Each structure stands twice: as C-alpha cells, then as structure tokens.
C-alpha atoms as a PDB file:
ATOM      1  CA  UNK A   1    -253.595 -89.350 143.972  1.00  0.00           C
ATOM      2  CA  UNK A   2    -250.323 -88.990 146.297  1.00  0.00           C
ATOM      3  CA  UNK A   3    -250.783 -87.362 149.359  1.00  0.00           C
ATOM      4  CA  UNK A   4    -248.306 -84.945 150.646  1.00  0.00           C
ATOM      5  CA  UNK A   5    -247.518 -86.900 153.678  1.00  0.00           C
ATOM      6  CA  UNK A   6    -246.411 -89.904 151.586  1.00  0.00           C
ATOM      7  CA  UNK A   7    -244.877 -87.865 148.713  1.00  0.00           C
ATOM      8  CA  UNK A   8    -241.103 -88.266 148.621  1.00  0.00           C
ATOM      9  CA  UNK A   9    -238.803 -85.771 150.117  1.00  0.00           C
ATOM     10  CA  UNK A  10    -236.539 -84.801 147.221  1.00  0.00           C
ATOM     11  CA  UNK A  11    -233.016 -83.992 147.946  1.00  0.00           C
ATOM     12  CA  UNK A  12    -231.913 -81.213 149.553  1.00  0.00           C
ATOM     13  CA  UNK A  13    -228.998 -79.166 147.292  1.00  0.00           C
ATOM     14  CA  UNK A  14    -226.016 -79.615 148.649  1.00  0.00           C
ATOM     15  CA  UNK A  15    -221.623 -79.695 148.022  1.00  0.00           C
ATOM     16  CA  UNK A  16    -219.091 -81.478 149.651  1.00  0.00           C
ATOM     17  CA  UNK A  17    -216.031 -80.711 150.935  1.00  0.00           C
ATOM     18  CA  UNK A  18    -213.455 -82.746 151.981  1.00  0.00           C
ATOM     19  CA  UNK A  19    -212.113 -86.298 151.440  1.00  0.00           C
ATOM     20  CA  UNK A  20    -214.961 -88.568 150.348  1.00  0.00           C
ATOM     21  CA  UNK A  21    -213.571 -91.473 152.766  1.00  0.00           C
ATOM     22  CA  UNK A  22    -213.074 -89.331 155.376  1.00  0.00           C
ATOM     23  CA  UNK A  23    -213.394 -91.223 158.758  1.00  0.00           C
ATOM     24  CA  UNK A  24    -216.489 -88.277 160.136  1.00  0.00           C
ATOM     25  CA  UNK A  25    -219.093 -86.484 159.039  1.00  0.00           C
ATOM     26  CA  UNK A  26    -219.802 -82.838 159.438  1.00  0.00           C
ATOM     27  CA  UNK A  27    -223.201 -81.655 157.773  1.00  0.00           C
ATOM     28  CA  UNK A  28    -223.628 -77.603 157.738  1.00  0.00           C
ATOM     29  CA  UNK A  29    -227.002 -75.810 157.206  1.00  0.00           C
ATOM     30  CA  UNK A  30    -226.578 -72.534 154.783  1.00  0.00           C
ATOM     31  CA  UNK A  31    -227.635 -69.238 156.430  1.00  0.00           C
ATOM     32  CA  UNK A  32    -230.718 -67.563 154.308  1.00  0.00           C
ATOM     33  CA  UNK A  33    -229.508 -66.660 150.690  1.00  0.00           C
ATOM     34  CA  UNK A  34    -231.201 -64.761 147.954  1.00  0.00           C
ATOM     35  CA  UNK A  35    -229.130 -67.026 145.409  1.00  0.00           C
ATOM     36  CA  UNK A  36    -226.973 -70.039 146.752  1.00  0.00           C
ATOM     37  CA  UNK A  37    -223.035 -69.880 146.553  1.00  0.00           C
ATOM     38  CA  UNK A  38    -222.483 -73.625 146.529  1.00  0.00           C
ATOM     39  CA  UNK A  39    -220.957 -73.232 150.170  1.00  0.00           C
ATOM     40  CA  UNK A  40    -218.586 -70.136 149.400  1.00  0.00           C
ATOM     41  CA  UNK A  41    -219.785 -68.411 152.513  1.00  0.00           C
ATOM     42  CA  UNK A  42    -218.711 -71.650 154.754  1.00  0.00           C
ATOM     43  CA  UNK A  43    -214.868 -72.238 152.914  1.00  0.00           C
ATOM     44  CA  UNK A  44    -213.398 -69.780 155.687  1.00  0.00           C
ATOM     45  CA  UNK A  45    -213.844 -72.323 158.464  1.00  0.00           C
ATOM     46  CA  UNK A  46    -214.558 -75.409 156.351  1.00  0.00           C
ATOM     47  CA  UNK A  47    -210.545 -76.092 156.686  1.00  0.00           C
ATOM     48  CA  UNK A  48    -210.738 -76.683 161.199  1.00  0.00           C
ATOM     49  CA  UNK A  49    -213.061 -79.203 159.922  1.00  0.00           C
ATOM     50  CA  UNK A  50    -211.606 -80.832 156.805  1.00  0.00           C
ATOM     51  CA  UNK A  51    -208.007 -81.287 158.429  1.00  0.00           C
ATOM     52  CA  UNK A  52    -209.474 -82.720 161.872  1.00  0.00           C
ATOM     53  CA  UNK A  53    -210.842 -85.606 159.258  1.00  0.00           C
ATOM     54  CA  UNK A  54    -214.497 -84.453 158.234  1.00  0.00           C
ATOM     55  CA  UNK A  55    -215.985 -84.897 155.122  1.00  0.00           C
ATOM     56  CA  UNK A  56    -218.110 -81.687 154.850  1.00  0.00           C
ATOM     57  CA  UNK A  57    -221.415 -81.521 153.166  1.00  0.00           C
ATOM     58  CA  UNK A  58    -222.744 -77.884 153.154  1.00  0.00           C
ATOM     59  CA  UNK A  59    -226.714 -77.906 152.427  1.00  0.00           C
ATOM     60  CA  UNK A  60    -228.505 -74.620 151.024  1.00  0.00           C
ATOM     61  CA  UNK A  61    -231.335 -74.436 154.054  1.00  0.00           C
ATOM     62  CA  UNK A  62    -234.077 -73.063 151.621  1.00  0.00           C
ATOM     63  CA  UNK A  63    -233.595 -75.311 149.151  1.00  0.00           C
ATOM     64  CA  UNK A  64    -236.269 -77.615 150.691  1.00  0.00           C
ATOM     65  CA  UNK A  65    -238.598 -74.789 151.748  1.00  0.00           C
ATOM     66  CA  UNK A  66    -242.107 -74.665 150.769  1.00  0.00           C
ATOM     67  CA  UNK A  67    -245.023 -71.944 150.748  1.00  0.00           C
ATOM     68  CA  UNK A  68    -246.393 -72.458 154.029  1.00  0.00           C
ATOM     69  CA  UNK A  69    -243.886 -73.161 155.972  1.00  0.00           C
ATOM     70  CA  UNK A  70    -242.463 -72.005 159.736  1.00  0.00           C
ATOM     71  CA  UNK A  71    -239.187 -72.702 161.408  1.00  0.00           C
ATOM     72  CA  UNK A  72    -240.663 -76.091 162.868  1.00  0.00           C
ATOM     73  CA  UNK A  73    -241.912 -77.291 159.428  1.00  0.00           C
ATOM     74  CA  UNK A  74    -238.351 -76.450 157.331  1.00  0.00           C
ATOM     75  CA  UNK A  75    -236.403 -78.321 159.976  1.00  0.00           C
ATOM     76  CA  UNK A  76    -238.590 -81.333 160.417  1.00  0.00           C
ATOM     77  CA  UNK A  77    -238.143 -81.870 156.432  1.00  0.00           C
ATOM     78  CA  UNK A  78    -234.543 -81.664 156.996  1.00  0.00           C
ATOM     79  CA  UNK A  79    -234.323 -83.637 160.199  1.00  0.00           C
ATOM     80  CA  UNK A  80    -234.880 -86.434 157.337  1.00  0.00           C
ATOM     81  CA  UNK A  81    -231.977 -86.113 155.465  1.00  0.00           C
ATOM     82  CA  UNK A  82    -229.865 -85.119 158.177  1.00  0.00           C
ATOM     83  CA  UNK A  83    -230.455 -88.289 160.955  1.00  0.00           C
ATOM     84  CA  UNK A  84    -229.232 -90.173 157.874  1.00  0.00           C
ATOM     85  CA  UNK A  85    -225.792 -88.996 157.763  1.00  0.00           C
ATOM     86  CA  UNK A  86    -225.491 -89.058 161.614  1.00  0.00           C
ATOM     87  CA  UNK A  87    -223.502 -86.346 161.708  1.00  0.00           C
ATOM     88  CA  UNK A  88    -220.424 -85.951 164.021  1.00  0.00           C
ATOM     89  CA  UNK A  89    -220.767 -82.403 163.902  1.00  0.00           C
ATOM     90  CA  UNK A  90    -223.772 -80.249 163.061  1.00  0.00           C
ATOM     91  CA  UNK A  91    -222.617 -76.768 162.134  1.00  0.00           C
ATOM     92  CA  UNK A  92    -225.765 -73.929 161.286  1.00  0.00           C
ATOM     93  CA  UNK A  93    -224.939 -70.220 160.077  1.00  0.00           C
ATOM     94  CA  UNK A  94    -227.937 -67.662 161.506  1.00  0.00           C
ATOM     95  CA  UNK A  95    -231.368 -69.814 159.846  1.00  0.00           C
ATOM     96  CA  UNK A  96    -229.216 -72.528 159.665  1.00  0.00           C
ATOM     97  CA  UNK A  97    -228.188 -72.385 163.041  1.00  0.00           C
ATOM     98  CA  UNK A  98    -231.800 -72.448 164.022  1.00  0.00           C
ATOM     99  CA  UNK A  99    -233.050 -74.776 162.626  1.00  0.00           C
ATOM    100  CA  UNK A 100    -230.181 -77.130 164.378  1.00  0.00           C
ATOM    101  CA  UNK A 101    -230.904 -75.524 167.134  1.00  0.00           C
ATOM    102  CA  UNK A 102    -234.575 -76.989 166.674  1.00  0.00           C
ATOM    103  CA  UNK A 103    -233.750 -79.853 166.304  1.00  0.00           C
ATOM    104  CA  UNK A 104    -231.325 -80.788 169.289  1.00  0.00           C
ATOM    105  CA  UNK A 105    -234.460 -82.568 171.072  1.00  0.00           C
ATOM    106  CA  UNK A 106    -233.852 -85.532 168.798  1.00  0.00           C
ATOM    107  CA  UNK A 107    -232.184 -87.983 170.184  1.00  0.00           C
ATOM    108  CA  UNK A 108    -229.855 -88.849 166.901  1.00  0.00           C
ATOM    109  CA  UNK A 109    -228.607 -85.277 167.678  1.00  0.00           C
ATOM    110  CA  UNK A 110    -226.679 -85.931 170.897  1.00  0.00           C
ATOM    111  CA  UNK A 111    -224.175 -87.586 169.495  1.00  0.00           C
ATOM    112  CA  UNK A 112    -222.961 -84.673 167.232  1.00  0.00           C
ATOM    113  CA  UNK A 113    -220.885 -81.722 168.707  1.00  0.00           C
ATOM    114  CA  UNK A 114    -222.711 -78.622 167.505  1.00  0.00           C
ATOM    115  CA  UNK A 115    -221.230 -75.478 165.927  1.00  0.00           C
ATOM    116  CA  UNK A 116    -223.645 -72.225 165.930  1.00  0.00           C
ATOM    117  CA  UNK A 117    -222.142 -69.281 163.795  1.00  0.00           C
ATOM    118  CA  UNK A 118    -224.581 -66.219 164.341  1.00  0.00           C
ATOM    119  CA  UNK A 119    -227.623 -68.170 165.259  1.00  0.00           C
ATOM    120  CA  UNK A 120    -230.635 -66.677 167.166  1.00  0.00           C
ATOM    121  CA  UNK A 121    -232.090 -69.131 169.478  1.00  0.00           C
ATOM    122  CA  UNK A 122    -234.431 -66.206 170.634  1.00  0.00           C
ATOM    123  CA  UNK A 123    -235.242 -63.334 168.217  1.00  0.00           C
ATOM    124  CA  UNK A 124    -236.572 -60.856 170.114  1.00  0.00           C
ATOM    125  CA  UNK A 125    -238.850 -57.433 168.855  1.00  0.00           C
ATOM    126  CA  UNK A 126    -235.610 -55.694 167.379  1.00  0.00           C
ATOM    127  CA  UNK A 127    -234.305 -58.775 165.461  1.00  0.00           C
ATOM    128  CA  UNK A 128    -238.030 -59.591 164.168  1.00  0.00           C
ATOM    129  CA  UNK A 129    -238.394 -55.646 163.563  1.00  0.00           C
ATOM    130  CA  UNK A 130    -235.410 -55.869 161.873  1.00  0.00           C
ATOM    131  CA  UNK A 131    -236.031 -58.729 159.337  1.00  0.00           C
ATOM    132  CA  UNK A 132    -239.169 -57.901 158.048  1.00  0.00           C
ATOM    133  CA  UNK A 133    -237.781 -54.464 157.067  1.00  0.00           C
ATOM    134  CA  UNK A 134    -235.578 -56.389 155.091  1.00  0.00           C
ATOM    135  CA  UNK A 135    -238.614 -58.955 154.039  1.00  0.00           C
ATOM    136  CA  UNK A 136    -240.816 -56.145 153.121  1.00  0.00           C
ATOM    137  CA  UNK A 137    -238.775 -54.897 150.904  1.00  0.00           C
ATOM    138  CA  UNK A 138    -238.466 -57.423 148.330  1.00  0.00           C
ATOM    139  CA  UNK A 139    -242.335 -56.714 147.879  1.00  0.00           C
ATOM    140  CA  UNK A 140    -241.896 -52.578 148.074  1.00  0.00           C
ATOM    141  CA  UNK A 141    -238.878 -51.815 146.444  1.00  0.00           C
ATOM    142  CA  UNK A 142    -237.182 -55.164 144.915  1.00  0.00           C
ATOM    143  CA  UNK A 143    -234.750 -57.634 145.808  1.00  0.00           C
ATOM    144  CA  UNK A 144    -231.847 -55.920 144.959  1.00  0.00           C
ATOM    145  CA  UNK A 145    -232.709 -53.252 147.286  1.00  0.00           C
ATOM    146  CA  UNK A 146    -233.552 -55.858 149.876  1.00  0.00           C
ATOM    147  CA  UNK A 147    -230.398 -56.875 149.693  1.00  0.00           C
ATOM    148  CA  UNK A 148    -228.666 -53.511 150.362  1.00  0.00           C
ATOM    149  CA  UNK A 149    -230.366 -53.223 153.304  1.00  0.00           C
ATOM    150  CA  UNK A 150    -229.165 -56.821 154.684  1.00  0.00           C
ATOM    151  CA  UNK A 151    -226.005 -56.054 153.670  1.00  0.00           C
ATOM    152  CA  UNK A 152    -226.367 -53.238 156.494  1.00  0.00           C
ATOM    153  CA  UNK A 153    -226.715 -54.995 159.258  1.00  0.00           C
ATOM    154  CA  UNK A 154    -224.178 -58.043 158.625  1.00  0.00           C
ATOM    155  CA  UNK A 155    -221.363 -55.882 157.552  1.00  0.00           C
ATOM    156  CA  UNK A 156    -218.285 -56.147 159.447  1.00  0.00           C
ATOM    157  CA  UNK A 157    -216.822 -53.573 160.816  1.00  0.00           C
ATOM    158  CA  UNK A 158    -214.217 -52.524 158.636  1.00  0.00           C
ATOM    159  CA  UNK A 159    -216.862 -53.720 155.572  1.00  0.00           C
ATOM    160  CA  UNK A 160    -218.104 -49.919 153.552  1.00  0.00           C
ATOM    161  CA  UNK A 161    -221.491 -49.110 153.928  1.00  0.00           C
ATOM    162  CA  UNK A 162    -223.582 -50.494 150.471  1.00  0.00           C
ATOM    163  CA  UNK A 163    -223.481 -47.885 147.834  1.00  0.00           C
ATOM    164  CA  UNK A 164    -226.376 -47.787 145.099  1.00  0.00           C
ATOM    165  CA  UNK A 165    -227.238 -49.921 142.471  1.00  0.00           C
ATOM    166  CA  UNK A 166    -226.126 -51.149 140.315  1.00  0.00           C
ATOM    167  CA  UNK A 167    -222.567 -51.206 141.691  1.00  0.00           C
ATOM    168  CA  UNK A 168    -224.122 -53.181 144.687  1.00  0.00           C
ATOM    169  CA  UNK A 169    -223.204 -53.996 148.369  1.00  0.00           C
ATOM    170  CA  UNK A 170    -220.285 -56.049 148.998  1.00  0.00           C
ATOM    171  CA  UNK A 171    -222.397 -58.576 150.609  1.00  0.00           C
ATOM    172  CA  UNK A 172    -224.055 -59.494 147.967  1.00  0.00           C
ATOM    173  CA  UNK A 173    -221.122 -61.288 145.117  1.00  0.00           C
ATOM    174  CA  UNK A 174    -221.943 -60.467 141.078  1.00  0.00           C
ATOM    175  CA  UNK A 175    -223.633 -63.635 141.069  1.00  0.00           C
ATOM    176  CA  UNK A 176    -226.129 -63.070 143.704  1.00  0.00           C
ATOM    177  CA  UNK A 177    -226.440 -59.748 142.135  1.00  0.00           C
ATOM    178  CA  UNK A 178    -227.164 -60.617 138.317  1.00  0.00           C
ATOM    179  CA  UNK A 179    -230.771 -61.186 138.055  1.00  0.00           C
ATOM    180  CA  UNK A 180    -231.888 -60.601 141.986  1.00  0.00           C
ATOM    181  CA  UNK A 181    -235.349 -59.184 140.694  1.00  0.00           C
ATOM    182  CA  UNK A 182    -235.775 -62.868 139.639  1.00  0.00           C
ATOM    183  CA  UNK A 183    -239.111 -63.428 141.584  1.00  0.00           C
ATOM    184  CA  UNK A 184    -237.616 -67.158 143.126  1.00  0.00           C
ATOM    185  CA  UNK A 185    -234.509 -65.016 144.913  1.00  0.00           C
ATOM    186  CA  UNK A 186    -237.164 -62.699 146.462  1.00  0.00           C
ATOM    187  CA  UNK A 187    -238.759 -65.617 147.702  1.00  0.00           C
ATOM    188  CA  UNK A 188    -236.456 -67.110 148.738  1.00  0.00           C
ATOM    189  CA  UNK A 189    -235.131 -63.930 150.980  1.00  0.00           C
ATOM    190  CA  UNK A 190    -238.337 -62.725 152.420  1.00  0.00           C
ATOM    191  CA  UNK A 191    -239.498 -65.556 153.046  1.00  0.00           C
ATOM    192  CA  UNK A 192    -236.265 -67.177 154.622  1.00  0.00           C
ATOM    193  CA  UNK A 193    -235.946 -64.725 156.930  1.00  0.00           C
ATOM    194  CA  UNK A 194    -239.290 -64.224 157.638  1.00  0.00           C
ATOM    195  CA  UNK A 195    -239.062 -68.180 159.291  1.00  0.00           C
ATOM    196  CA  UNK A 196    -236.887 -66.458 162.251  1.00  0.00           C
ATOM    197  CA  UNK A 197    -240.588 -63.990 162.906  1.00  0.00           C
ATOM    198  CA  UNK A 198    -240.596 -65.331 167.434  1.00  0.00           C
ATOM    199  CA  UNK A 199    -238.195 -67.687 166.917  1.00  0.00           C
ATOM    200  CA  UNK A 200    -237.912 -69.547 170.784  1.00  0.00           C
ATOM    201  CA  UNK A 201    -235.939 -72.468 170.673  1.00  0.00           C
ATOM    202  CA  UNK A 202    -234.268 -71.972 173.867  1.00  0.00           C
ATOM    203  CA  UNK A 203    -235.927 -75.287 175.704  1.00  0.00           C
ATOM    204  CA  UNK A 204    -234.189 -77.364 172.928  1.00  0.00           C
ATOM    205  CA  UNK A 205    -231.265 -75.417 173.211  1.00  0.00           C
ATOM    206  CA  UNK A 206    -230.353 -75.711 177.516  1.00  0.00           C
ATOM    207  CA  UNK A 207    -231.418 -79.675 177.472  1.00  0.00           C
ATOM    208  CA  UNK A 208    -229.093 -80.468 175.305  1.00  0.00           C
ATOM    209  CA  UNK A 209    -226.850 -83.109 176.094  1.00  0.00           C
ATOM    210  CA  UNK A 210    -224.093 -82.724 173.870  1.00  0.00           C
ATOM    211  CA  UNK A 211    -221.476 -79.987 173.233  1.00  0.00           C
ATOM    212  CA  UNK A 212    -222.013 -77.330 171.997  1.00  0.00           C
ATOM    213  CA  UNK A 213    -220.635 -73.671 170.927  1.00  0.00           C
ATOM    214  CA  UNK A 214    -222.238 -70.261 169.395  1.00  0.00           C
ATOM    215  CA  UNK A 215    -219.921 -68.424 167.829  1.00  0.00           C
ATOM    216  CA  UNK A 216    -220.722 -64.359 167.707  1.00  0.00           C
ATOM    217  CA  UNK A 217    -219.179 -61.386 166.109  1.00  0.00           C
ATOM    218  CA  UNK A 218    -219.148 -58.739 169.055  1.00  0.00           C
ATOM    219  CA  UNK A 219    -219.689 -55.546 166.524  1.00  0.00           C
ATOM    220  CA  UNK A 220    -222.902 -57.566 165.149  1.00  0.00           C
ATOM    221  CA  UNK A 221    -226.064 -55.164 163.759  1.00  0.00           C
ATOM    222  CA  UNK A 222    -228.385 -58.192 164.382  1.00  0.00           C
ATOM    223  CA  UNK A 223    -227.920 -61.283 166.009  1.00  0.00           C
ATOM    224  CA  UNK A 224    -225.644 -60.692 169.184  1.00  0.00           C
ATOM    225  CA  UNK A 225    -225.219 -62.289 172.430  1.00  0.00           C
ATOM    226  CA  UNK A 226    -228.764 -61.174 173.568  1.00  0.00           C
ATOM    227  CA  UNK A 227    -229.819 -63.677 171.296  1.00  0.00           C
ATOM    228  CA  UNK A 228    -228.193 -66.912 172.099  1.00  0.00           C
ATOM    229  CA  UNK A 229    -228.973 -69.651 175.242  1.00  0.00           C
ATOM    230  CA  UNK A 230    -226.369 -72.140 176.307  1.00  0.00           C
ATOM    231  CA  UNK A 231    -227.432 -75.389 178.666  1.00  0.00           C
ATOM    232  CA  UNK A 232    -224.655 -76.715 180.639  1.00  0.00           C
ATOM    233  CA  UNK A 233    -221.593 -77.443 179.467  1.00  0.00           C
ATOM    234  CA  UNK A 234    -221.921 -75.347 176.911  1.00  0.00           C
ATOM    235  CA  UNK A 235    -219.786 -72.195 175.203  1.00  0.00           C
ATOM    236  CA  UNK A 236    -220.532 -69.074 173.623  1.00  0.00           C
ATOM    237  CA  UNK A 237    -217.124 -67.187 172.098  1.00  0.00           C
ATOM    238  CA  UNK A 238    -217.506 -63.506 170.945  1.00  0.00           C
ATOM    239  CA  UNK A 239    -215.127 -62.815 168.096  1.00  0.00           C
ATOM    240  CA  UNK A 240    -214.334 -58.906 168.675  1.00  0.00           C
ATOM    241  CA  UNK A 241    -214.118 -56.939 165.347  1.00  0.00           C
ATOM    242  CA  UNK A 242    -216.482 -59.066 163.792  1.00  0.00           C
ATOM    243  CA  UNK A 243    -220.196 -58.444 162.745  1.00  0.00           C
ATOM    244  CA  UNK A 244    -222.512 -60.723 161.902  1.00  0.00           C
ATOM    245  CA  UNK A 245    -220.221 -62.549 159.997  1.00  0.00           C
ATOM    246  CA  UNK A 246    -217.365 -63.717 162.407  1.00  0.00           C
ATOM    247  CA  UNK A 247    -216.334 -66.404 159.796  1.00  0.00           C
ATOM    248  CA  UNK A 248    -215.734 -63.602 157.009  1.00  0.00           C
ATOM    249  CA  UNK A 249    -214.867 -60.573 158.525  1.00  0.00           C
ATOM    250  CA  UNK A 250    -212.390 -62.723 161.137  1.00  0.00           C
ATOM    251  CA  UNK A 251    -211.851 -66.225 159.725  1.00  0.00           C
ATOM    252  CA  UNK A 252    -208.235 -66.920 161.349  1.00  0.00           C
ATOM    253  CA  UNK A 253    -210.544 -65.983 164.670  1.00  0.00           C
ATOM    254  CA  UNK A 254    -213.022 -67.806 163.777  1.00  0.00           C
ATOM    255  CA  UNK A 255    -210.889 -71.214 162.983  1.00  0.00           C
ATOM    256  CA  UNK A 256    -209.517 -70.976 165.841  1.00  0.00           C
ATOM    257  CA  UNK A 257    -211.800 -70.917 168.468  1.00  0.00           C
ATOM    258  CA  UNK A 258    -213.961 -74.278 165.959  1.00  0.00           C
ATOM    259  CA  UNK A 259    -211.035 -75.599 165.879  1.00  0.00           C
ATOM    260  CA  UNK A 260    -210.413 -74.887 169.555  1.00  0.00           C
ATOM    261  CA  UNK A 261    -213.690 -76.481 170.580  1.00  0.00           C
ATOM    262  CA  UNK A 262    -213.447 -79.896 168.378  1.00  0.00           C
ATOM    263  CA  UNK A 263    -210.167 -80.360 169.812  1.00  0.00           C
ATOM    264  CA  UNK A 264    -210.910 -82.394 173.283  1.00  0.00           C
ATOM    265  CA  UNK A 265    -213.068 -84.905 170.552  1.00  0.00           C
ATOM    266  CA  UNK A 266    -210.328 -85.664 168.014  1.00  0.00           C
ATOM    267  CA  UNK A 267    -208.246 -86.596 171.078  1.00  0.00           C
ATOM    268  CA  UNK A 268    -210.369 -88.993 172.405  1.00  0.00           C
ATOM    269  CA  UNK A 269    -211.491 -90.393 168.519  1.00  0.00           C
ATOM    270  CA  UNK A 270    -207.661 -90.454 168.303  1.00  0.00           C
ATOM    271  CA  UNK A 271    -207.204 -92.523 171.913  1.00  0.00           C
ATOM    272  CA  UNK A 272    -210.101 -94.838 170.685  1.00  0.00           C
ATOM    273  CA  UNK A 273    -208.642 -95.534 167.414  1.00  0.00           C
END
C-alpha cells in the first residue's frame, strides 16, 4: 500500500494566460472560492504581466486542499508545484497571498518579485471572527447564505449590498451560485476561510530579501493595512475607493501599481538581454 508521503502529487487545477513562449513566468494563487472561476478574478491585473513578457499561470489554490490541512500543509503541497516553475513573479490574492508569504523563507522564492493583493500577513481577532462567522454559516444556513455574508465584507464602496436569494449578490456570478449548496462548494468555502485562522507569516515576510509589493483597498471591510507586514525595501500601496478586491473595484489603479512595481526589473532584464 502506498503511504501518503509517497503518493504522487496530483496536478493542481490551473489556467494559462498569455503567450506560451513568453520569456518569463508568473504564478498566481487564487483566493478562496466556493467554485473555481478559471482565473476570471485575475483578468483585470493579468494585462500588467502579459504586456511585460510573462506567461501567467493562475492556480486554484484550493484544488490541492485536503481534509486536516492547515496553512503550512497546503503551502508545502503547493511549493512542490511552484518551485518547478521557477517563477519570475509570484502573485497571491487573499488566501493565495497568505500561502505565498508562507513560502518566502524558501530560497527558490528569493529570485521572484512578489505581488500580494489583499493578502493578510497576520490575522487579528477581528479578521478571525469575521471569517469564522462566514465559514460557520455554511453548515448553519447553507453555502448561498454564506456567500451573501462574504459579499458584505468583500464588496467595494460602490457595490450594492446583497439582496436575498435567489437574486444573490454581485460577488457571486450566476455560474458560482448555481448549485451553490453542493457539499463540495460549501466545504471549499468553509475549509478555505478557516485556513487563515490565526495566520502569522510575519517572520517570513520581514526576512524576505527580494522585492515585494502589497496592494490593498483603503476601504476594505476585511483585510486592511493593519493585517500587512513588510521588510526592508518592500512596498505597500493602498488603492483609494477600493474594498477587499481593488483589482475589481479599481482595476486601472491596481494595474498601474503593479506595473510600476515591475517596471525596474523589466528595464533591467531588457538591458541584460
């Protein structure tokens, strides 16, 4: 019988954006999603990477999740995939960004530029309580109701409050809400959110010797500046008028922030060619 330690790692679910022959690679880890959206969440930012010669691979972070995992276990599993890619840019959104930060003590990450979108470095009691309230709603009220609660904390300032089902929130597209009470979707949502409970990857971030950018919405109801940490030479940029999803609320401002961060390295690589 094959032991868990020797069981081959199944490939994660992923989608590729940009030209297959692009000279550089960018790996993106998705946030918690009840149902995988095939990378649609990242489309507002992807252009900033593709136009600078990156082939972008967007991973469904939860596709490698197993029962009993904590953040470290999931990060270890994803590391087996990412280190083979040798990415030039590592990007994470929310949970995906927490995983990326968890990996920053690995030497193979030190060559990469790191971009984090609304990604907590440290979860405080308020963030823990909010995420647990949403996760608990899956069992207590159903996945659709939990998605409504999630929408309330991720929606941008200009986004309307959710309305009762079946119309549902703008957060969840029809494709996600259809069959939302499928047990798999509820498990992904509740288990994924709970991975951030008491998350603390501050030591990995502060010691990271590479270039790192935090982007967050200044009006976020979930992850804010108080949940982020940086080390020497790292940057954080708040996007005015944006909530938890600055890439959706203020896509152009978010693209500019990411492009400006990547510009020095882009110029250096052109010079070295």
